[in-house]
N, C-alpha and C. Protein backbone atom coordinates (compact mmCIF):
# COMPACT_ATOMS: atom_id res chain seq x y z
N MET A 1 53.21 133.14 -144.32
CA MET A 1 51.79 133.42 -144.17
C MET A 1 51.36 133.13 -142.72
N GLU A 2 50.66 134.08 -142.12
CA GLU A 2 50.23 133.91 -140.73
C GLU A 2 49.21 132.78 -140.61
N ARG A 3 49.42 131.94 -139.61
CA ARG A 3 48.52 130.83 -139.34
C ARG A 3 48.12 130.93 -137.86
N LYS A 4 46.83 130.73 -137.59
CA LYS A 4 46.41 130.76 -136.19
C LYS A 4 45.28 129.76 -135.98
N ILE A 5 45.17 129.30 -134.74
CA ILE A 5 44.11 128.37 -134.36
C ILE A 5 42.87 129.18 -134.00
N ILE A 6 41.74 128.84 -134.60
CA ILE A 6 40.49 129.53 -134.28
C ILE A 6 39.43 128.50 -133.89
N LYS A 7 38.43 128.96 -133.17
CA LYS A 7 37.30 128.09 -132.79
C LYS A 7 36.19 128.29 -133.80
N THR A 8 35.62 127.19 -134.29
CA THR A 8 34.54 127.25 -135.28
C THR A 8 33.18 127.18 -134.59
N GLY A 9 32.12 127.25 -135.39
CA GLY A 9 30.77 127.38 -134.86
C GLY A 9 30.30 126.27 -133.96
N ASP A 10 30.85 125.06 -134.10
CA ASP A 10 30.43 123.95 -133.23
C ASP A 10 31.38 123.73 -132.05
N GLY A 11 32.30 124.68 -131.85
CA GLY A 11 33.23 124.59 -130.73
C GLY A 11 34.55 123.92 -131.08
N SER A 12 34.61 123.24 -132.23
CA SER A 12 35.85 122.59 -132.64
C SER A 12 36.79 123.61 -133.26
N THR A 13 38.08 123.31 -133.19
CA THR A 13 39.08 124.23 -133.68
C THR A 13 39.51 123.90 -135.10
N THR A 14 40.12 124.88 -135.74
CA THR A 14 40.73 124.66 -137.04
C THR A 14 41.88 125.66 -137.20
N ILE A 15 42.58 125.58 -138.32
CA ILE A 15 43.68 126.49 -138.61
C ILE A 15 43.21 127.50 -139.65
N GLN A 16 43.47 128.76 -139.38
CA GLN A 16 43.11 129.83 -140.31
C GLN A 16 44.36 130.42 -140.94
N LEU A 17 44.30 130.62 -142.26
CA LEU A 17 45.35 131.33 -142.98
C LEU A 17 44.86 132.75 -143.21
N SER A 18 45.36 133.66 -142.41
CA SER A 18 44.81 135.03 -142.37
C SER A 18 44.91 135.75 -143.70
N GLU A 19 46.03 135.60 -144.38
CA GLU A 19 46.25 136.32 -145.63
C GLU A 19 45.21 135.94 -146.70
N TRP A 20 44.84 134.67 -146.70
CA TRP A 20 43.87 134.17 -147.66
C TRP A 20 42.43 134.28 -147.15
N ASP A 21 42.25 134.54 -145.86
CA ASP A 21 40.93 134.45 -145.23
C ASP A 21 40.32 133.07 -145.53
N GLU A 22 41.14 132.04 -145.30
CA GLU A 22 40.76 130.66 -145.61
C GLU A 22 41.07 129.78 -144.41
N GLN A 23 40.20 128.79 -144.16
CA GLN A 23 40.39 127.87 -143.05
C GLN A 23 40.56 126.45 -143.57
N TYR A 24 41.18 125.60 -142.77
CA TYR A 24 41.29 124.19 -143.11
C TYR A 24 39.92 123.51 -143.10
N HIS A 25 39.02 124.02 -142.27
CA HIS A 25 37.66 123.48 -142.17
C HIS A 25 36.68 124.64 -142.09
N SER A 26 35.41 124.34 -142.23
CA SER A 26 34.39 125.38 -142.21
C SER A 26 34.39 126.14 -140.88
N LYS A 27 34.32 127.46 -140.96
CA LYS A 27 34.25 128.26 -139.75
C LYS A 27 32.90 128.09 -139.05
N HIS A 28 31.94 127.49 -139.76
CA HIS A 28 30.63 127.22 -139.15
C HIS A 28 30.64 125.96 -138.30
N GLY A 29 31.70 125.17 -138.40
CA GLY A 29 31.80 123.96 -137.60
C GLY A 29 32.67 122.92 -138.28
N ALA A 30 33.90 122.77 -137.80
CA ALA A 30 34.84 121.85 -138.44
C ALA A 30 34.34 120.41 -138.36
N ILE A 31 33.95 119.97 -137.16
CA ILE A 31 33.50 118.59 -137.00
C ILE A 31 32.18 118.36 -137.73
N GLN A 32 31.27 119.31 -137.64
CA GLN A 32 29.98 119.18 -138.34
C GLN A 32 30.20 119.01 -139.84
N GLU A 33 31.09 119.81 -140.40
CA GLU A 33 31.36 119.73 -141.83
C GLU A 33 31.93 118.36 -142.19
N ALA A 34 32.92 117.90 -141.44
CA ALA A 34 33.55 116.61 -141.73
C ALA A 34 32.55 115.48 -141.67
N LYS A 35 31.72 115.48 -140.65
CA LYS A 35 30.73 114.41 -140.49
C LYS A 35 29.70 114.43 -141.61
N HIS A 36 29.27 115.61 -142.02
CA HIS A 36 28.24 115.70 -143.05
C HIS A 36 28.78 115.36 -144.44
N VAL A 37 29.86 116.03 -144.82
CA VAL A 37 30.37 115.90 -146.19
C VAL A 37 31.03 114.55 -146.42
N PHE A 38 31.93 114.18 -145.54
CA PHE A 38 32.76 113.01 -145.81
C PHE A 38 32.24 111.71 -145.21
N ILE A 39 31.55 111.79 -144.07
CA ILE A 39 31.00 110.57 -143.47
C ILE A 39 29.58 110.30 -143.99
N LYS A 40 28.66 111.21 -143.75
CA LYS A 40 27.28 110.97 -144.15
C LYS A 40 27.13 110.84 -145.67
N MET A 41 27.65 111.79 -146.41
CA MET A 41 27.47 111.80 -147.86
C MET A 41 28.51 110.95 -148.61
N GLY A 42 29.56 110.57 -147.92
CA GLY A 42 30.62 109.78 -148.53
C GLY A 42 30.66 108.36 -148.03
N LEU A 43 31.21 108.16 -146.84
CA LEU A 43 31.38 106.81 -146.29
C LEU A 43 30.05 106.09 -146.10
N ASP A 44 29.08 106.76 -145.47
CA ASP A 44 27.78 106.12 -145.24
C ASP A 44 27.10 105.78 -146.56
N TYR A 45 27.19 106.68 -147.53
CA TYR A 45 26.59 106.42 -148.85
C TYR A 45 27.22 105.19 -149.48
N TRP A 46 28.53 105.09 -149.41
CA TRP A 46 29.22 103.93 -150.01
C TRP A 46 28.79 102.64 -149.32
N LEU A 47 28.72 102.66 -148.00
CA LEU A 47 28.33 101.46 -147.26
C LEU A 47 26.89 101.08 -147.53
N ASP A 48 26.02 102.06 -147.73
CA ASP A 48 24.61 101.78 -148.01
C ASP A 48 24.41 101.17 -149.40
N ASN A 49 25.35 101.42 -150.31
CA ASN A 49 25.17 100.99 -151.69
C ASN A 49 26.02 99.80 -152.10
N PHE A 50 26.96 99.41 -151.24
CA PHE A 50 27.81 98.27 -151.54
C PHE A 50 27.89 97.36 -150.31
N SER A 51 27.89 96.08 -150.55
CA SER A 51 27.85 95.12 -149.44
C SER A 51 29.19 94.94 -148.75
N GLU A 52 30.27 95.42 -149.38
CA GLU A 52 31.60 95.26 -148.81
C GLU A 52 31.77 96.11 -147.54
N ASN A 53 32.47 95.56 -146.56
CA ASN A 53 32.84 96.38 -145.40
C ASN A 53 34.34 96.66 -145.39
N LYS A 54 34.96 96.46 -146.56
CA LYS A 54 36.37 96.74 -146.74
C LYS A 54 36.51 97.72 -147.89
N LEU A 55 37.23 98.82 -147.67
CA LEU A 55 37.37 99.80 -148.73
C LEU A 55 38.66 100.59 -148.58
N ALA A 56 39.07 101.20 -149.70
CA ALA A 56 40.26 102.05 -149.75
C ALA A 56 39.81 103.49 -149.97
N ILE A 57 40.31 104.37 -149.13
CA ILE A 57 39.93 105.79 -149.17
C ILE A 57 41.16 106.64 -149.48
N LEU A 58 40.97 107.62 -150.35
CA LEU A 58 41.99 108.62 -150.66
C LEU A 58 41.50 109.97 -150.17
N GLU A 59 42.31 110.64 -149.35
CA GLU A 59 41.95 112.00 -148.93
C GLU A 59 42.89 112.99 -149.59
N ILE A 60 42.29 113.95 -150.27
CA ILE A 60 43.04 115.03 -150.91
C ILE A 60 43.07 116.21 -149.96
N GLY A 61 44.20 116.35 -149.26
CA GLY A 61 44.36 117.38 -148.25
C GLY A 61 44.26 116.80 -146.86
N PHE A 62 45.27 116.02 -146.44
CA PHE A 62 45.23 115.36 -145.12
C PHE A 62 45.13 116.39 -144.00
N GLY A 63 45.87 117.49 -144.13
CA GLY A 63 45.71 118.63 -143.23
C GLY A 63 45.81 118.31 -141.75
N THR A 64 44.75 118.62 -141.02
CA THR A 64 44.71 118.45 -139.57
C THR A 64 44.50 117.00 -139.15
N GLY A 65 44.13 116.14 -140.09
CA GLY A 65 43.85 114.75 -139.76
C GLY A 65 42.44 114.51 -139.24
N LEU A 66 41.60 115.55 -139.24
CA LEU A 66 40.25 115.40 -138.71
C LEU A 66 39.44 114.35 -139.47
N ASN A 67 39.45 114.42 -140.80
CA ASN A 67 38.66 113.45 -141.57
C ASN A 67 39.17 112.03 -141.36
N ALA A 68 40.47 111.86 -141.28
CA ALA A 68 41.04 110.54 -141.05
C ALA A 68 40.65 110.02 -139.68
N PHE A 69 40.69 110.89 -138.67
CA PHE A 69 40.37 110.46 -137.31
C PHE A 69 38.90 110.06 -137.17
N ILE A 70 38.00 110.86 -137.74
CA ILE A 70 36.59 110.50 -137.67
C ILE A 70 36.32 109.20 -138.43
N THR A 71 37.00 109.02 -139.56
CA THR A 71 36.85 107.77 -140.32
C THR A 71 37.37 106.59 -139.52
N PHE A 72 38.47 106.77 -138.81
CA PHE A 72 38.98 105.73 -137.91
C PHE A 72 37.92 105.36 -136.86
N LEU A 73 37.29 106.36 -136.26
CA LEU A 73 36.25 106.09 -135.25
C LEU A 73 35.08 105.31 -135.86
N GLU A 74 34.72 105.64 -137.11
CA GLU A 74 33.65 104.90 -137.79
C GLU A 74 34.08 103.46 -138.07
N ALA A 75 35.33 103.27 -138.43
CA ALA A 75 35.84 101.92 -138.69
C ALA A 75 35.78 101.07 -137.43
N GLU A 76 36.13 101.66 -136.29
CA GLU A 76 36.06 100.94 -135.03
C GLU A 76 34.62 100.63 -134.64
N LYS A 77 33.75 101.61 -134.84
CA LYS A 77 32.34 101.47 -134.45
C LYS A 77 31.64 100.39 -135.26
N HIS A 78 31.90 100.35 -136.56
CA HIS A 78 31.17 99.44 -137.46
C HIS A 78 32.01 98.25 -137.91
N GLN A 79 33.21 98.11 -137.35
CA GLN A 79 34.10 97.01 -137.71
C GLN A 79 34.35 96.96 -139.21
N LEU A 80 34.76 98.10 -139.74
CA LEU A 80 35.12 98.22 -141.14
C LEU A 80 36.62 97.99 -141.29
N SER A 81 37.02 97.53 -142.45
CA SER A 81 38.44 97.39 -142.78
C SER A 81 38.78 98.48 -143.79
N ILE A 82 39.57 99.47 -143.36
CA ILE A 82 39.84 100.64 -144.19
C ILE A 82 41.34 100.82 -144.40
N ASN A 83 41.71 100.96 -145.67
CA ASN A 83 43.06 101.39 -146.04
C ASN A 83 42.95 102.86 -146.45
N TYR A 84 43.59 103.73 -145.70
CA TYR A 84 43.40 105.18 -145.84
C TYR A 84 44.70 105.83 -146.32
N THR A 85 44.60 106.54 -147.43
CA THR A 85 45.75 107.28 -147.97
C THR A 85 45.46 108.77 -147.88
N GLY A 86 46.33 109.50 -147.20
CA GLY A 86 46.18 110.94 -147.08
C GLY A 86 47.31 111.66 -147.80
N VAL A 87 46.96 112.51 -148.75
CA VAL A 87 47.95 113.25 -149.52
C VAL A 87 48.00 114.70 -149.03
N GLU A 88 49.19 115.18 -148.74
CA GLU A 88 49.36 116.54 -148.23
C GLU A 88 50.70 117.08 -148.69
N ALA A 89 50.68 118.24 -149.32
CA ALA A 89 51.93 118.85 -149.79
C ALA A 89 52.66 119.58 -148.67
N TYR A 90 51.89 120.17 -147.74
CA TYR A 90 52.49 121.00 -146.69
C TYR A 90 51.96 120.57 -145.33
N PRO A 91 52.65 119.65 -144.66
CA PRO A 91 52.15 119.10 -143.39
C PRO A 91 51.95 120.17 -142.32
N VAL A 92 50.98 119.92 -141.48
CA VAL A 92 50.67 120.80 -140.36
C VAL A 92 51.74 120.64 -139.27
N ALA A 93 52.08 121.73 -138.60
CA ALA A 93 53.14 121.72 -137.59
C ALA A 93 52.68 121.01 -136.32
N LYS A 94 53.63 120.46 -135.59
CA LYS A 94 53.35 119.70 -134.37
C LYS A 94 52.61 120.55 -133.34
N ASN A 95 53.02 121.81 -133.15
CA ASN A 95 52.36 122.66 -132.15
C ASN A 95 50.92 122.97 -132.54
N GLU A 96 50.63 123.00 -133.85
CA GLU A 96 49.25 123.23 -134.30
C GLU A 96 48.39 122.00 -134.01
N ILE A 97 48.93 120.82 -134.25
CA ILE A 97 48.19 119.59 -133.97
C ILE A 97 47.84 119.51 -132.49
N GLU A 98 48.79 119.86 -131.64
CA GLU A 98 48.57 119.79 -130.19
C GLU A 98 47.52 120.78 -129.72
N ALA A 99 47.23 121.82 -130.50
CA ALA A 99 46.24 122.83 -130.11
C ALA A 99 44.83 122.48 -130.58
N LEU A 100 44.67 121.42 -131.35
CA LEU A 100 43.35 121.04 -131.86
C LEU A 100 42.61 120.19 -130.82
N ASN A 101 41.29 120.32 -130.77
CA ASN A 101 40.51 119.70 -129.70
C ASN A 101 39.58 118.58 -130.17
N TYR A 102 39.92 117.93 -131.28
CA TYR A 102 38.99 116.96 -131.86
C TYR A 102 38.69 115.75 -130.98
N PRO A 103 39.68 115.07 -130.40
CA PRO A 103 39.35 113.90 -129.57
C PRO A 103 38.36 114.25 -128.45
N LYS A 104 38.57 115.40 -127.81
CA LYS A 104 37.69 115.79 -126.71
C LYS A 104 36.26 116.03 -127.19
N LEU A 105 36.10 116.80 -128.26
CA LEU A 105 34.74 117.13 -128.72
C LEU A 105 34.05 115.95 -129.37
N LEU A 106 34.81 114.96 -129.83
CA LEU A 106 34.21 113.76 -130.41
C LEU A 106 33.97 112.68 -129.36
N SER A 107 34.14 113.06 -128.09
CA SER A 107 34.01 112.10 -126.97
C SER A 107 34.89 110.89 -127.21
N ALA A 108 36.09 111.16 -127.70
CA ALA A 108 37.03 110.08 -128.04
C ALA A 108 38.39 110.35 -127.40
N GLU A 109 38.37 110.88 -126.18
CA GLU A 109 39.63 111.20 -125.53
C GLU A 109 40.50 109.97 -125.30
N ASN A 110 39.86 108.80 -125.15
CA ASN A 110 40.65 107.58 -124.99
C ASN A 110 41.41 107.24 -126.26
N ASN A 111 40.98 107.82 -127.39
CA ASN A 111 41.67 107.60 -128.66
C ASN A 111 42.56 108.78 -129.05
N ALA A 112 42.78 109.71 -128.12
CA ALA A 112 43.67 110.83 -128.41
C ALA A 112 45.06 110.37 -128.83
N PRO A 113 45.61 109.29 -128.23
CA PRO A 113 46.92 108.80 -128.71
C PRO A 113 46.89 108.36 -130.18
N ILE A 114 45.72 107.87 -130.63
CA ILE A 114 45.60 107.48 -132.04
C ILE A 114 45.71 108.71 -132.93
N PHE A 115 45.04 109.80 -132.53
CA PHE A 115 45.10 111.04 -133.29
C PHE A 115 46.55 111.52 -133.40
N GLN A 116 47.27 111.46 -132.29
CA GLN A 116 48.67 111.85 -132.30
C GLN A 116 49.49 110.91 -133.17
N LYS A 117 49.21 109.62 -133.07
CA LYS A 117 49.95 108.63 -133.85
C LYS A 117 49.79 108.87 -135.34
N MET A 118 48.59 109.26 -135.76
CA MET A 118 48.35 109.53 -137.18
C MET A 118 49.30 110.60 -137.71
N HIS A 119 49.62 111.57 -136.86
CA HIS A 119 50.50 112.66 -137.29
C HIS A 119 51.97 112.31 -137.11
N GLU A 120 52.26 111.39 -136.21
CA GLU A 120 53.66 111.06 -135.93
C GLU A 120 54.20 109.95 -136.82
N THR A 121 53.33 109.19 -137.49
CA THR A 121 53.81 108.12 -138.34
C THR A 121 54.62 108.69 -139.51
N PRO A 122 55.63 107.97 -139.96
CA PRO A 122 56.48 108.47 -141.04
C PRO A 122 55.69 108.63 -142.34
N TRP A 123 56.09 109.60 -143.14
CA TRP A 123 55.49 109.80 -144.45
C TRP A 123 55.93 108.66 -145.38
N HIS A 124 55.01 108.26 -146.26
CA HIS A 124 55.26 107.24 -147.28
C HIS A 124 55.50 105.85 -146.68
N SER A 125 54.98 105.63 -145.49
CA SER A 125 55.12 104.32 -144.84
C SER A 125 53.74 103.83 -144.41
N LEU A 126 53.35 102.65 -144.85
CA LEU A 126 52.05 102.10 -144.46
C LEU A 126 52.10 101.69 -142.99
N GLU A 127 51.20 102.26 -142.19
CA GLU A 127 51.20 102.01 -140.75
C GLU A 127 49.87 101.41 -140.32
N LYS A 128 49.91 100.42 -139.46
CA LYS A 128 48.71 99.80 -138.92
C LYS A 128 48.29 100.59 -137.68
N ILE A 129 47.26 101.39 -137.81
CA ILE A 129 46.78 102.21 -136.71
C ILE A 129 45.98 101.36 -135.72
N SER A 130 45.17 100.45 -136.26
CA SER A 130 44.42 99.48 -135.45
C SER A 130 44.15 98.27 -136.35
N LYS A 131 43.49 97.27 -135.81
CA LYS A 131 43.20 96.09 -136.64
C LYS A 131 42.24 96.42 -137.77
N ASN A 132 41.53 97.54 -137.66
CA ASN A 132 40.57 97.94 -138.68
C ASN A 132 41.06 99.04 -139.61
N PHE A 133 42.19 99.68 -139.30
CA PHE A 133 42.52 100.91 -139.99
C PHE A 133 44.02 100.98 -140.29
N ASN A 134 44.35 101.01 -141.58
CA ASN A 134 45.72 101.20 -142.04
C ASN A 134 45.85 102.59 -142.65
N LEU A 135 46.96 103.26 -142.40
CA LEU A 135 47.16 104.62 -142.88
C LEU A 135 48.50 104.76 -143.58
N ILE A 136 48.46 105.40 -144.74
CA ILE A 136 49.70 105.85 -145.37
C ILE A 136 49.53 107.31 -145.75
N LYS A 137 50.47 108.15 -145.30
CA LYS A 137 50.47 109.56 -145.65
C LYS A 137 51.52 109.79 -146.73
N GLN A 138 51.14 110.56 -147.74
CA GLN A 138 52.05 110.84 -148.84
C GLN A 138 52.24 112.35 -148.95
N GLN A 139 53.48 112.79 -148.76
CA GLN A 139 53.77 114.21 -148.89
C GLN A 139 54.14 114.51 -150.33
N LYS A 140 53.18 115.04 -151.07
CA LYS A 140 53.40 115.38 -152.47
C LYS A 140 52.28 116.28 -152.95
N ARG A 141 52.46 116.84 -154.12
CA ARG A 141 51.44 117.69 -154.72
C ARG A 141 50.36 116.81 -155.34
N PHE A 142 49.16 117.34 -155.42
CA PHE A 142 48.04 116.54 -155.90
C PHE A 142 48.22 116.09 -157.35
N GLU A 143 48.87 116.93 -158.15
CA GLU A 143 49.07 116.56 -159.56
C GLU A 143 50.07 115.43 -159.73
N GLU A 144 50.74 115.05 -158.65
CA GLU A 144 51.69 113.94 -158.71
C GLU A 144 51.03 112.58 -158.44
N ILE A 145 49.77 112.58 -158.11
CA ILE A 145 49.06 111.32 -157.86
C ILE A 145 48.93 110.54 -159.16
N ASP A 146 49.41 109.31 -159.15
CA ASP A 146 49.39 108.51 -160.39
C ASP A 146 48.84 107.11 -160.16
N ASP A 147 48.06 106.92 -159.09
CA ASP A 147 47.45 105.61 -158.83
C ASP A 147 46.43 105.27 -159.91
N ILE A 148 46.25 103.98 -160.14
CA ILE A 148 45.29 103.51 -161.13
C ILE A 148 44.31 102.55 -160.47
N ALA A 149 43.00 102.87 -160.55
CA ALA A 149 41.92 101.99 -160.08
C ALA A 149 42.19 101.42 -158.70
N LYS A 150 42.51 102.30 -157.74
CA LYS A 150 42.92 101.85 -156.41
C LYS A 150 41.91 102.16 -155.32
N TYR A 151 41.09 103.22 -155.48
CA TYR A 151 40.29 103.71 -154.38
C TYR A 151 38.79 103.56 -154.63
N ASP A 152 38.07 103.29 -153.53
CA ASP A 152 36.60 103.19 -153.58
C ASP A 152 35.94 104.52 -153.25
N LEU A 153 36.63 105.36 -152.49
CA LEU A 153 36.04 106.60 -152.01
C LEU A 153 37.13 107.66 -151.93
N VAL A 154 36.81 108.86 -152.41
CA VAL A 154 37.75 109.98 -152.36
C VAL A 154 37.13 111.12 -151.56
N TYR A 155 37.85 111.58 -150.55
CA TYR A 155 37.49 112.79 -149.82
C TYR A 155 38.29 113.92 -150.47
N PHE A 156 37.63 114.77 -151.23
CA PHE A 156 38.33 115.87 -151.89
C PHE A 156 38.19 117.12 -151.02
N ASP A 157 39.23 117.40 -150.22
CA ASP A 157 39.16 118.45 -149.21
C ASP A 157 40.30 119.45 -149.37
N ALA A 158 40.57 119.83 -150.59
CA ALA A 158 41.61 120.83 -150.86
C ALA A 158 41.11 122.22 -150.45
N PHE A 159 42.06 123.17 -150.34
CA PHE A 159 41.66 124.55 -150.11
C PHE A 159 40.77 125.01 -151.27
N GLY A 160 39.89 125.96 -150.99
CA GLY A 160 38.88 126.35 -151.94
C GLY A 160 39.40 126.92 -153.25
N ALA A 161 38.56 126.81 -154.28
CA ALA A 161 38.93 127.29 -155.61
C ALA A 161 39.15 128.80 -155.64
N ARG A 162 38.60 129.52 -154.68
CA ARG A 162 38.81 130.97 -154.63
C ARG A 162 40.28 131.30 -154.42
N VAL A 163 40.97 130.49 -153.61
CA VAL A 163 42.38 130.79 -153.30
C VAL A 163 43.36 129.88 -154.04
N GLN A 164 42.92 128.67 -154.41
CA GLN A 164 43.80 127.76 -155.15
C GLN A 164 43.03 127.09 -156.29
N PRO A 165 42.68 127.87 -157.33
CA PRO A 165 41.90 127.33 -158.44
C PRO A 165 42.62 126.20 -159.17
N GLU A 166 43.94 126.15 -159.09
CA GLU A 166 44.70 125.10 -159.79
C GLU A 166 44.45 123.71 -159.22
N LEU A 167 43.84 123.64 -158.03
CA LEU A 167 43.54 122.33 -157.42
C LEU A 167 42.18 121.79 -157.83
N TRP A 168 41.44 122.55 -158.63
CA TRP A 168 40.06 122.18 -158.97
C TRP A 168 39.86 122.12 -160.49
N THR A 169 40.86 121.65 -161.19
CA THR A 169 40.84 121.64 -162.65
C THR A 169 40.45 120.26 -163.20
N GLU A 170 40.17 120.25 -164.50
CA GLU A 170 39.90 118.97 -165.16
C GLU A 170 41.09 118.02 -165.03
N GLU A 171 42.30 118.57 -165.07
CA GLU A 171 43.50 117.72 -164.97
C GLU A 171 43.57 117.02 -163.62
N ILE A 172 43.27 117.74 -162.56
CA ILE A 172 43.28 117.13 -161.22
C ILE A 172 42.19 116.08 -161.10
N PHE A 173 41.00 116.41 -161.59
CA PHE A 173 39.89 115.45 -161.49
C PHE A 173 40.10 114.25 -162.40
N ALA A 174 40.82 114.42 -163.50
CA ALA A 174 41.16 113.28 -164.35
C ALA A 174 42.07 112.31 -163.59
N ALA A 175 43.00 112.86 -162.79
CA ALA A 175 43.86 112.02 -161.96
C ALA A 175 43.04 111.28 -160.92
N MET A 176 42.02 111.96 -160.36
CA MET A 176 41.13 111.30 -159.41
C MET A 176 40.37 110.16 -160.08
N TYR A 177 39.86 110.45 -161.28
CA TYR A 177 39.08 109.46 -162.02
C TYR A 177 39.91 108.20 -162.28
N ARG A 178 41.15 108.39 -162.70
CA ARG A 178 42.03 107.24 -162.96
C ARG A 178 42.34 106.47 -161.68
N ALA A 179 42.45 107.19 -160.57
CA ALA A 179 42.82 106.55 -159.31
C ALA A 179 41.67 105.77 -158.68
N MET A 180 40.45 106.02 -159.14
CA MET A 180 39.26 105.41 -158.54
C MET A 180 38.86 104.13 -159.26
N ARG A 181 38.32 103.20 -158.49
CA ARG A 181 37.79 101.97 -159.05
C ARG A 181 36.43 102.23 -159.70
N LYS A 182 35.96 101.26 -160.45
CA LYS A 182 34.64 101.36 -161.07
C LYS A 182 33.59 101.55 -159.99
N GLU A 183 32.67 102.49 -160.23
CA GLU A 183 31.58 102.83 -159.32
C GLU A 183 32.06 103.46 -158.02
N ALA A 184 33.28 103.97 -157.98
CA ALA A 184 33.78 104.66 -156.80
C ALA A 184 33.11 106.02 -156.65
N VAL A 185 33.27 106.61 -155.48
CA VAL A 185 32.56 107.83 -155.10
C VAL A 185 33.55 108.90 -154.68
N LEU A 186 33.31 110.14 -155.12
CA LEU A 186 34.09 111.30 -154.67
C LEU A 186 33.14 112.29 -154.04
N VAL A 187 33.49 112.80 -152.87
CA VAL A 187 32.68 113.83 -152.22
C VAL A 187 33.54 115.04 -151.90
N THR A 188 32.93 116.21 -151.99
CA THR A 188 33.61 117.45 -151.67
C THR A 188 32.62 118.47 -151.13
N TYR A 189 33.12 119.35 -150.27
CA TYR A 189 32.29 120.43 -149.74
C TYR A 189 31.96 121.46 -150.81
N ALA A 190 32.71 121.48 -151.91
CA ALA A 190 32.55 122.50 -152.95
C ALA A 190 31.24 122.33 -153.70
N ALA A 191 30.72 123.43 -154.22
CA ALA A 191 29.50 123.37 -155.01
C ALA A 191 29.51 124.33 -156.19
N LYS A 192 30.66 124.97 -156.44
CA LYS A 192 30.76 125.94 -157.53
C LYS A 192 30.44 125.29 -158.87
N GLY A 193 29.81 126.06 -159.74
CA GLY A 193 29.49 125.56 -161.07
C GLY A 193 30.72 125.12 -161.84
N SER A 194 31.83 125.86 -161.68
CA SER A 194 33.05 125.51 -162.40
C SER A 194 33.60 124.15 -161.95
N VAL A 195 33.46 123.84 -160.66
CA VAL A 195 33.91 122.54 -160.14
C VAL A 195 33.01 121.44 -160.66
N ARG A 196 31.71 121.67 -160.63
CA ARG A 196 30.77 120.67 -161.13
C ARG A 196 31.02 120.37 -162.61
N ARG A 197 31.26 121.42 -163.40
CA ARG A 197 31.49 121.22 -164.83
C ARG A 197 32.80 120.49 -165.09
N ALA A 198 33.83 120.81 -164.30
CA ALA A 198 35.12 120.12 -164.47
C ALA A 198 34.98 118.64 -164.16
N LEU A 199 34.23 118.30 -163.14
CA LEU A 199 33.98 116.89 -162.80
C LEU A 199 33.23 116.19 -163.93
N GLN A 200 32.20 116.85 -164.45
CA GLN A 200 31.40 116.24 -165.52
C GLN A 200 32.22 116.04 -166.78
N LYS A 201 33.05 117.01 -167.13
CA LYS A 201 33.87 116.88 -168.34
C LYS A 201 34.89 115.75 -168.21
N THR A 202 35.27 115.45 -166.98
CA THR A 202 36.21 114.36 -166.74
C THR A 202 35.56 112.99 -166.89
N GLY A 203 34.21 112.96 -166.78
CA GLY A 203 33.50 111.68 -166.92
C GLY A 203 32.64 111.30 -165.75
N PHE A 204 32.66 112.11 -164.69
CA PHE A 204 31.86 111.80 -163.51
C PHE A 204 30.38 112.14 -163.72
N THR A 205 29.52 111.39 -163.04
CA THR A 205 28.13 111.79 -162.87
C THR A 205 28.05 112.53 -161.55
N VAL A 206 27.52 113.76 -161.57
CA VAL A 206 27.61 114.64 -160.41
C VAL A 206 26.23 114.93 -159.84
N GLU A 207 26.14 114.86 -158.51
CA GLU A 207 24.92 115.19 -157.80
C GLU A 207 25.15 116.41 -156.92
N ARG A 208 24.17 117.30 -156.91
CA ARG A 208 24.16 118.37 -155.91
C ARG A 208 23.41 117.85 -154.69
N LEU A 209 24.00 118.06 -153.52
CA LEU A 209 23.41 117.59 -152.28
C LEU A 209 23.31 118.72 -151.27
N GLU A 210 22.51 118.52 -150.25
CA GLU A 210 22.44 119.49 -149.15
C GLU A 210 23.81 119.65 -148.52
N GLY A 211 24.22 120.88 -148.31
CA GLY A 211 25.53 121.13 -147.75
C GLY A 211 25.55 121.06 -146.23
N PRO A 212 26.73 121.17 -145.64
CA PRO A 212 26.86 121.19 -144.18
C PRO A 212 26.38 122.53 -143.63
N PRO A 213 26.30 122.68 -142.31
CA PRO A 213 25.86 123.96 -141.74
C PRO A 213 26.65 125.13 -142.31
N GLY A 214 25.92 126.17 -142.72
CA GLY A 214 26.55 127.36 -143.28
C GLY A 214 26.78 127.31 -144.77
N LYS A 215 26.43 126.17 -145.41
CA LYS A 215 26.67 126.02 -146.85
C LYS A 215 25.44 125.35 -147.46
N ARG A 216 24.91 125.94 -148.51
CA ARG A 216 23.65 125.45 -149.08
C ARG A 216 23.81 124.10 -149.77
N GLU A 217 24.90 123.93 -150.54
CA GLU A 217 25.06 122.71 -151.33
C GLU A 217 26.49 122.18 -151.24
N MET A 218 26.64 120.92 -151.64
CA MET A 218 27.93 120.27 -151.81
C MET A 218 27.79 119.34 -153.01
N LEU A 219 28.89 118.69 -153.40
CA LEU A 219 28.84 117.80 -154.58
C LEU A 219 29.29 116.39 -154.23
N ARG A 220 28.61 115.43 -154.89
CA ARG A 220 29.06 114.03 -154.88
C ARG A 220 29.16 113.57 -156.32
N ALA A 221 30.30 112.96 -156.64
CA ALA A 221 30.56 112.52 -158.01
C ALA A 221 30.76 111.01 -158.04
N LEU A 222 30.16 110.36 -159.02
CA LEU A 222 30.25 108.92 -159.16
C LEU A 222 31.00 108.58 -160.45
N LYS A 223 31.93 107.64 -160.33
CA LYS A 223 32.66 107.20 -161.53
C LYS A 223 31.78 106.25 -162.32
N ASN A 224 31.58 106.56 -163.58
CA ASN A 224 30.70 105.76 -164.43
C ASN A 224 31.33 104.42 -164.77
């Protein structure tokens, strides 16, 4: 499948899969989407509602590492202690990572080596990225996740249900539910009715929220 680097609406780059007409991030703005969906509606919401500054995050679709890198920057800024698990079945190639411009556009060029380190660390090995941020990447399919009550926050950033509907089923969300601690939070850019219903049937309480630029709505799900 042809893959190419494209520039999105906010100037940040992403990877496009031409055959699917699908991108790793929103074509309206990769960084804008990540900050809105996963930081503002996810991490910030969790911090506003819980007094802990230590949390475990699971990302479904580690991909380009953008969400992990922005979360690292937030951990450094607010002195958070984060254990971050990124699950990815098909890792991004080294030459693609080198073509992405996230450190520069995030005014974090001094942390560009951290972005590279996130991709260079071995799979299935817990690595200390900084005193505030631990990372473990797991190369496996999402249905293989079998953690129990481990995570406070889930970034659900799989490819869209239009091209990979098998990633947005009740079975997948049941695995998420089991992996999350009591009162944990899941956020996703998706807003389809079928996704919302699958989350609800699994046991989540689901909120529709304002979406990132170019998207009217997104979803946040709370474990009861």
